[in-house]
Amino acid sequence: MAEAAGLLLVPPDRRDPKLTTTRGVGE
């Protein structure tokens, strides 16, 4: 999961769990 929806992929100023998604894991 961290490869597609990992916290380290999200810049600190965009870390809003209401907006992030697991879509990449499904891909």
PDB file of all heavy atoms in Angstrom:
ATOM      1  N   MET A   1       0.814  -1.209   0.000  1.00  0.00           N
ATOM      2  CA  MET A   1       0.000   0.000   0.000  1.00  0.00           C
ATOM      3  C   MET A   1       0.856   1.272   0.000  1.00  0.00           C
ATOM      4  O   MET A   1       0.529   2.239  -0.685  1.00  0.00           O
ATOM      5  CB  MET A   1      -0.943   0.018   1.196  1.00  0.00           C
ATOM      6  CG  MET A   1      -1.823   1.262   1.225  1.00  0.00           C
ATOM      7  SD  MET A   1      -2.964   1.288   2.593  1.00  0.00           S
ATOM      8  CE  MET A   1      -4.207   0.197   1.977  1.00  0.00           C
ATOM      9  N   ALA A   2       1.940   1.264   0.749  1.00  0.00           N
ATOM     10  CA  ALA A   2       2.783   2.453   0.845  1.00  0.00           C
ATOM     11  C   ALA A   2       3.355   2.874  -0.507  1.00  0.00           C
ATOM     12  O   ALA A   2       3.678   4.042  -0.706  1.00  0.00           O
ATOM     13  CB  ALA A   2       3.914   2.220   1.844  1.00  0.00           C
ATOM     14  N   GLU A   3       3.470   1.950  -1.457  1.00  0.00           N
ATOM     15  CA  GLU A   3       3.966   2.284  -2.795  1.00  0.00           C
ATOM     16  C   GLU A   3       2.963   3.133  -3.575  1.00  0.00           C
ATOM     17  O   GLU A   3       3.340   3.898  -4.444  1.00  0.00           O
ATOM     18  CB  GLU A   3       4.252   1.003  -3.588  1.00  0.00           C
ATOM     19  CG  GLU A   3       5.496   0.286  -3.176  1.00  0.00           C
ATOM     20  CD  GLU A   3       6.763   0.914  -3.728  1.00  0.00           C
ATOM     21  OE1 GLU A   3       6.751   1.449  -4.853  1.00  0.00           O
ATOM     22  OE2 GLU A   3       7.783   0.863  -3.029  1.00  0.00           O
ATOM     23  N   ALA A   4       1.687   2.965  -3.284  1.00  0.00           N
ATOM     24  CA  ALA A   4       0.640   3.626  -4.064  1.00  0.00           C
ATOM     25  C   ALA A   4      -0.142   4.667  -3.282  1.00  0.00           C
ATOM     26  O   ALA A   4      -0.678   5.606  -3.868  1.00  0.00           O
ATOM     27  CB  ALA A   4      -0.328   2.576  -4.600  1.00  0.00           C
ATOM     28  N   ALA A   5      -0.242   4.493  -1.981  1.00  0.00           N
ATOM     29  CA  ALA A   5      -1.057   5.403  -1.157  1.00  0.00           C
ATOM     30  C   ALA A   5      -0.339   5.717   0.145  1.00  0.00           C
ATOM     31  O   ALA A   5      -0.967   5.920   1.177  1.00  0.00           O
ATOM     32  CB  ALA A   5      -2.413   4.764  -0.873  1.00  0.00           C
ATOM     33  N   GLY A   6       0.976   5.772   0.092  1.00  0.00           N
ATOM     34  CA  GLY A   6       1.769   5.947   1.300  1.00  0.00           C
ATOM     35  C   GLY A   6       1.895   7.385   1.766  1.00  0.00           C
ATOM     36  O   GLY A   6       1.894   8.321   0.966  1.00  0.00           O
ATOM     37  N   LEU A   7       2.031   7.528   3.052  1.00  0.00           N
ATOM     38  CA  LEU A   7       2.177   8.847   3.662  1.00  0.00           C
ATOM     39  C   LEU A   7       3.395   9.583   3.115  1.00  0.00           C
ATOM     40  O   LEU A   7       3.346  10.796   2.900  1.00  0.00           O
ATOM     41  CB  LEU A   7       2.284   8.702   5.181  1.00  0.00           C
ATOM     42  CG  LEU A   7       2.268   9.993   5.986  1.00  0.00           C
ATOM     43  CD1 LEU A   7       0.983  10.781   5.749  1.00  0.00           C
ATOM     44  CD2 LEU A   7       2.435   9.688   7.469  1.00  0.00           C
ATOM     45  N   LEU A   8       4.484   8.869   2.848  1.00  0.00           N
ATOM     46  CA  LEU A   8       5.693   9.521   2.351  1.00  0.00           C
ATOM     47  C   LEU A   8       5.538  10.050   0.925  1.00  0.00           C
ATOM     48  O   LEU A   8       6.359  10.855   0.471  1.00  0.00           O
ATOM     49  CB  LEU A   8       6.882   8.565   2.439  1.00  0.00           C
ATOM     50  CG  LEU A   8       7.272   8.161   3.856  1.00  0.00           C
ATOM     51  CD1 LEU A   8       8.442   7.178   3.829  1.00  0.00           C
ATOM     52  CD2 LEU A   8       7.601   9.372   4.710  1.00  0.00           C
ATOM     53  N   LEU A   9       4.501   9.646   0.215  1.00  0.00           N
ATOM     54  CA  LEU A   9       4.239  10.152  -1.134  1.00  0.00           C
ATOM     55  C   LEU A   9       3.489  11.478  -1.117  1.00  0.00           C
ATOM     56  O   LEU A   9       3.364  12.138  -2.146  1.00  0.00           O
ATOM     57  CB  LEU A   9       3.409   9.137  -1.929  1.00  0.00           C
ATOM     58  CG  LEU A   9       4.041   7.781  -2.188  1.00  0.00           C
ATOM     59  CD1 LEU A   9       3.036   6.857  -2.854  1.00  0.00           C
ATOM     60  CD2 LEU A   9       5.294   7.927  -3.032  1.00  0.00           C
ATOM     61  N   VAL A  10       2.964  11.849   0.046  1.00  0.00           N
ATOM     62  CA  VAL A  10       2.131  13.048   0.153  1.00  0.00           C
ATOM     63  C   VAL A  10       2.937  14.174   0.799  1.00  0.00           C
ATOM     64  O   VAL A  10       3.394  14.026   1.934  1.00  0.00           O
ATOM     65  CB  VAL A  10       0.866  12.764   0.998  1.00  0.00           C
ATOM     66  CG1 VAL A  10      -0.042  13.984   1.024  1.00  0.00           C
ATOM     67  CG2 VAL A  10       0.126  11.546   0.468  1.00  0.00           C
ATOM     68  N   PRO A  11       3.100  15.286   0.087  1.00  0.00           N
ATOM     69  CA  PRO A  11       3.801  16.412   0.699  1.00  0.00           C
ATOM     70  C   PRO A  11       3.084  16.853   1.979  1.00  0.00           C
ATOM     71  O   PRO A  11       1.851  16.767   2.062  1.00  0.00           O
ATOM     72  CB  PRO A  11       3.723  17.513  -0.367  1.00  0.00           C
ATOM     73  CG  PRO A  11       3.413  16.807  -1.642  1.00  0.00           C
ATOM     74  CD  PRO A  11       2.647  15.569  -1.264  1.00  0.00           C
ATOM     75  N   PRO A  12       3.836  17.288   2.994  1.00  0.00           N
ATOM     76  CA  PRO A  12       3.210  17.659   4.273  1.00  0.00           C
ATOM     77  C   PRO A  12       2.033  18.624   4.141  1.00  0.00           C
ATOM     78  O   PRO A  12       1.044  18.486   4.848  1.00  0.00           O
ATOM     79  CB  PRO A  12       4.361  18.283   5.062  1.00  0.00           C
ATOM     80  CG  PRO A  12       5.577  17.587   4.529  1.00  0.00           C
ATOM     81  CD  PRO A  12       5.297  17.392   3.052  1.00  0.00           C
ATOM     82  N   ASP A  13       2.091  19.565   3.205  1.00  0.00           N
ATOM     83  CA  ASP A  13       1.005  20.538   3.064  1.00  0.00           C
ATOM     84  C   ASP A  13      -0.238  19.961   2.380  1.00  0.00           C
ATOM     85  O   ASP A  13      -1.259  20.630   2.295  1.00  0.00           O
ATOM     86  CB  ASP A  13       1.487  21.780   2.316  1.00  0.00           C
ATOM     87  CG  ASP A  13       1.921  21.502   0.890  1.00  0.00           C
ATOM     88  OD1 ASP A  13       2.435  20.389   0.626  1.00  0.00           O
ATOM     89  OD2 ASP A  13       1.751  22.393   0.040  1.00  0.00           O
ATOM     90  N   ARG A  14      -0.157  18.703   1.902  1.00  0.00           N
ATOM     91  CA  ARG A  14      -1.312  18.066   1.249  1.00  0.00           C
ATOM     92  C   ARG A  14      -1.819  16.864   2.033  1.00  0.00           C
ATOM     93  O   ARG A  14      -2.632  16.098   1.539  1.00  0.00           O
ATOM     94  CB  ARG A  14      -0.935  17.639  -0.164  1.00  0.00           C
ATOM     95  CG  ARG A  14      -0.613  18.859  -1.041  1.00  0.00           C
ATOM     96  CD  ARG A  14      -0.418  18.499  -2.461  1.00  0.00           C
ATOM     97  NE  ARG A  14      -1.675  18.037  -3.035  1.00  0.00           N
ATOM     98  CZ  ARG A  14      -1.759  17.381  -4.174  1.00  0.00           C
ATOM     99  NH1 ARG A  14      -0.686  17.098  -4.862  1.00  0.00           N
ATOM    100  NH2 ARG A  14      -2.918  16.987  -4.647  1.00  0.00           N
ATOM    101  N   ARG A  15      -1.376  16.688   3.251  1.00  0.00           N
ATOM    102  CA  ARG A  15      -1.762  15.534   4.063  1.00  0.00           C
ATOM    103  C   ARG A  15      -3.116  15.757   4.716  1.00  0.00           C
ATOM    104  O   ARG A  15      -3.230  16.117   5.871  1.00  0.00           O
ATOM    105  CB  ARG A  15      -0.690  15.234   5.112  1.00  0.00           C
ATOM    106  CG  ARG A  15       0.570  14.707   4.482  1.00  0.00           C
ATOM    107  CD  ARG A  15       1.617  14.349   5.489  1.00  0.00           C
ATOM    108  NE  ARG A  15       2.800  13.847   4.785  1.00  0.00           N
ATOM    109  CZ  ARG A  15       3.958  13.645   5.344  1.00  0.00           C
ATOM    110  NH1 ARG A  15       4.119  13.882   6.640  1.00  0.00           N
ATOM    111  NH2 ARG A  15       4.960  13.207   4.639  1.00  0.00           N
ATOM    112  N   ASP A  16      -4.138  15.543   3.927  1.00  0.00           N
ATOM    113  CA  ASP A  16      -5.517  15.690   4.389  1.00  0.00           C
ATOM    114  C   ASP A  16      -6.233  14.363   4.138  1.00  0.00           C
ATOM    115  O   ASP A  16      -6.587  14.051   2.995  1.00  0.00           O
ATOM    116  CB  ASP A  16      -6.213  16.821   3.641  1.00  0.00           C
ATOM    117  CG  ASP A  16      -7.623  17.075   4.134  1.00  0.00           C
ATOM    118  OD1 ASP A  16      -8.166  16.242   4.889  1.00  0.00           O
ATOM    119  OD2 ASP A  16      -8.178  18.124   3.759  1.00  0.00           O
ATOM    120  N   PRO A  17      -6.440  13.562   5.186  1.00  0.00           N
ATOM    121  CA  PRO A  17      -7.039  12.235   4.973  1.00  0.00           C
ATOM    122  C   PRO A  17      -8.459  12.270   4.418  1.00  0.00           C
ATOM    123  O   PRO A  17      -8.958  11.244   3.968  1.00  0.00           O
ATOM    124  CB  PRO A  17      -6.992  11.604   6.361  1.00  0.00           C
ATOM    125  CG  PRO A  17      -6.891  12.736   7.304  1.00  0.00           C
ATOM    126  CD  PRO A  17      -6.159  13.826   6.578  1.00  0.00           C
ATOM    127  N   LYS A  18      -9.085  13.431   4.415  1.00  0.00           N
ATOM    128  CA  LYS A  18     -10.416  13.530   3.796  1.00  0.00           C
ATOM    129  C   LYS A  18     -10.303  13.549   2.274  1.00  0.00           C
ATOM    130  O   LYS A  18     -11.276  13.290   1.578  1.00  0.00           O
ATOM    131  CB  LYS A  18     -11.139  14.776   4.299  1.00  0.00           C
ATOM    132  CG  LYS A  18     -11.460  14.749   5.789  1.00  0.00           C
ATOM    133  CD  LYS A  18     -12.245  15.959   6.240  1.00  0.00           C
ATOM    134  CE  LYS A  18     -11.588  17.279   6.009  1.00  0.00           C
ATOM    135  NZ  LYS A  18     -10.368  17.592   6.712  1.00  0.00           N
ATOM    136  N   LEU A  19      -9.115  13.868   1.772  1.00  0.00           N
ATOM    137  CA  LEU A  19      -8.929  13.996   0.332  1.00  0.00           C
ATOM    138  C   LEU A  19      -8.091  12.884  -0.288  1.00  0.00           C
ATOM    139  O   LEU A  19      -8.171  12.650  -1.485  1.00  0.00           O
ATOM    140  CB  LEU A  19      -8.274  15.343   0.019  1.00  0.00           C
ATOM    141  CG  LEU A  19      -9.025  16.583   0.511  1.00  0.00           C
ATOM    142  CD1 LEU A  19      -8.231  17.842   0.193  1.00  0.00           C
ATOM    143  CD2 LEU A  19     -10.415  16.654  -0.097  1.00  0.00           C
ATOM    144  N   THR A  20      -7.259  12.205   0.508  1.00  0.00           N
ATOM    145  CA  THR A  20      -6.408  11.159  -0.053  1.00  0.00           C
ATOM    146  C   THR A  20      -7.220   9.884  -0.287  1.00  0.00           C
ATOM    147  O   THR A  20      -8.266   9.678   0.303  1.00  0.00           O
ATOM    148  CB  THR A  20      -5.218  10.870   0.886  1.00  0.00           C
ATOM    149  OG1 THR A  20      -5.710  10.551   2.185  1.00  0.00           O
ATOM    150  CG2 THR A  20      -4.280  12.060   0.960  1.00  0.00           C
ATOM    151  N   THR A  21      -6.715   9.041  -1.170  1.00  0.00           N
ATOM    152  CA  THR A  21      -7.480   7.874  -1.599  1.00  0.00           C
ATOM    153  C   THR A  21      -6.585   6.656  -1.809  1.00  0.00           C
ATOM    154  O   THR A  21      -5.395   6.800  -2.085  1.00  0.00           O
ATOM    155  CB  THR A  21      -8.250   8.186  -2.898  1.00  0.00           C
ATOM    156  OG1 THR A  21      -8.894   7.003  -3.361  1.00  0.00           O
ATOM    157  CG2 THR A  21      -7.364   8.720  -3.992  1.00  0.00           C
ATOM    158  N   THR A  22      -7.176   5.485  -1.716  1.00  0.00           N
ATOM    159  CA  THR A  22      -6.473   4.231  -1.973  1.00  0.00           C
ATOM    160  C   THR A  22      -6.584   3.795  -3.438  1.00  0.00           C
ATOM    161  O   THR A  22      -6.290   2.648  -3.776  1.00  0.00           O
ATOM    162  CB  THR A  22      -7.024   3.108  -1.067  1.00  0.00           C
ATOM    163  OG1 THR A  22      -8.437   3.015  -1.248  1.00  0.00           O
ATOM    164  CG2 THR A  22      -6.699   3.344   0.391  1.00  0.00           C
ATOM    165  N   ARG A  23      -6.980   4.687  -4.317  1.00  0.00           N
ATOM    166  CA  ARG A  23      -7.186   4.351  -5.732  1.00  0.00           C
ATOM    167  C   ARG A  23      -5.958   3.669  -6.354  1.00  0.00           C
ATOM    168  O   ARG A  23      -6.085   2.701  -7.092  1.00  0.00           O
ATOM    169  CB  ARG A  23      -7.563   5.587  -6.536  1.00  0.00           C
ATOM    170  CG  ARG A  23      -7.805   5.263  -7.990  1.00  0.00           C
ATOM    171  CD  ARG A  23      -8.366   6.416  -8.780  1.00  0.00           C
ATOM    172  NE  ARG A  23      -8.758   5.947 -10.084  1.00  0.00           N
ATOM    173  CZ  ARG A  23      -9.919   5.407 -10.379  1.00  0.00           C
ATOM    174  NH1 ARG A  23     -10.828   5.285  -9.443  1.00  0.00           N
ATOM    175  NH2 ARG A  23     -10.185   4.978 -11.591  1.00  0.00           N
ATOM    176  N   GLY A  24      -4.771   4.175  -6.055  1.00  0.00           N
ATOM    177  CA  GLY A  24      -3.556   3.581  -6.624  1.00  0.00           C
ATOM    178  C   GLY A  24      -3.368   2.135  -6.230  1.00  0.00           C
ATOM    179  O   GLY A  24      -2.843   1.326  -7.009  1.00  0.00           O
ATOM    180  N   VAL A  25      -3.801   1.754  -5.043  1.00  0.00           N
ATOM    181  CA  VAL A  25      -3.722   0.352  -4.613  1.00  0.00           C
ATOM    182  C   VAL A  25      -4.620  -0.502  -5.513  1.00  0.00           C
ATOM    183  O   VAL A  25      -4.227  -1.574  -5.962  1.00  0.00           O
ATOM    184  CB  VAL A  25      -4.114   0.203  -3.126  1.00  0.00           C
ATOM    185  CG1 VAL A  25      -4.059  -1.250  -2.701  1.00  0.00           C
ATOM    186  CG2 VAL A  25      -3.227   1.069  -2.242  1.00  0.00           C
ATOM    187  N   GLY A  26      -5.805  -0.008  -5.795  1.00  0.00           N
ATOM    188  CA  GLY A  26      -6.706  -0.719  -6.705  1.00  0.00           C
ATOM    189  C   GLY A  26      -6.134  -0.823  -8.101  1.00  0.00           C
ATOM    190  O   GLY A  26      -6.303  -1.843  -8.787  1.00  0.00           O
ATOM    191  N   GLU A  27      -5.427   0.233  -8.542  1.00  0.00           N
ATOM    192  CA  GLU A  27      -4.797   0.188  -9.860  1.00  0.00           C
ATOM    193  C   GLU A  27      -3.722  -0.897  -9.890  1.00  0.00           C
ATOM    194  O   GLU A  27      -3.595  -1.615 -10.886  1.00  0.00           O
ATOM    195  CB  GLU A  27      -4.219   1.551 -10.218  1.00  0.00           C
ATOM    196  CG  GLU A  27      -5.289   2.599 -10.477  1.00  0.00           C
ATOM    197  CD  GLU A  27      -4.719   3.978 -10.779  1.00  0.00           C
ATOM    198  OE1 GLU A  27      -3.481   4.115 -10.948  1.00  0.00           O
ATOM    199  OE2 GLU A  27      -5.506   4.937 -10.838  1.00  0.00           O
TER     200      GLU A  27
END
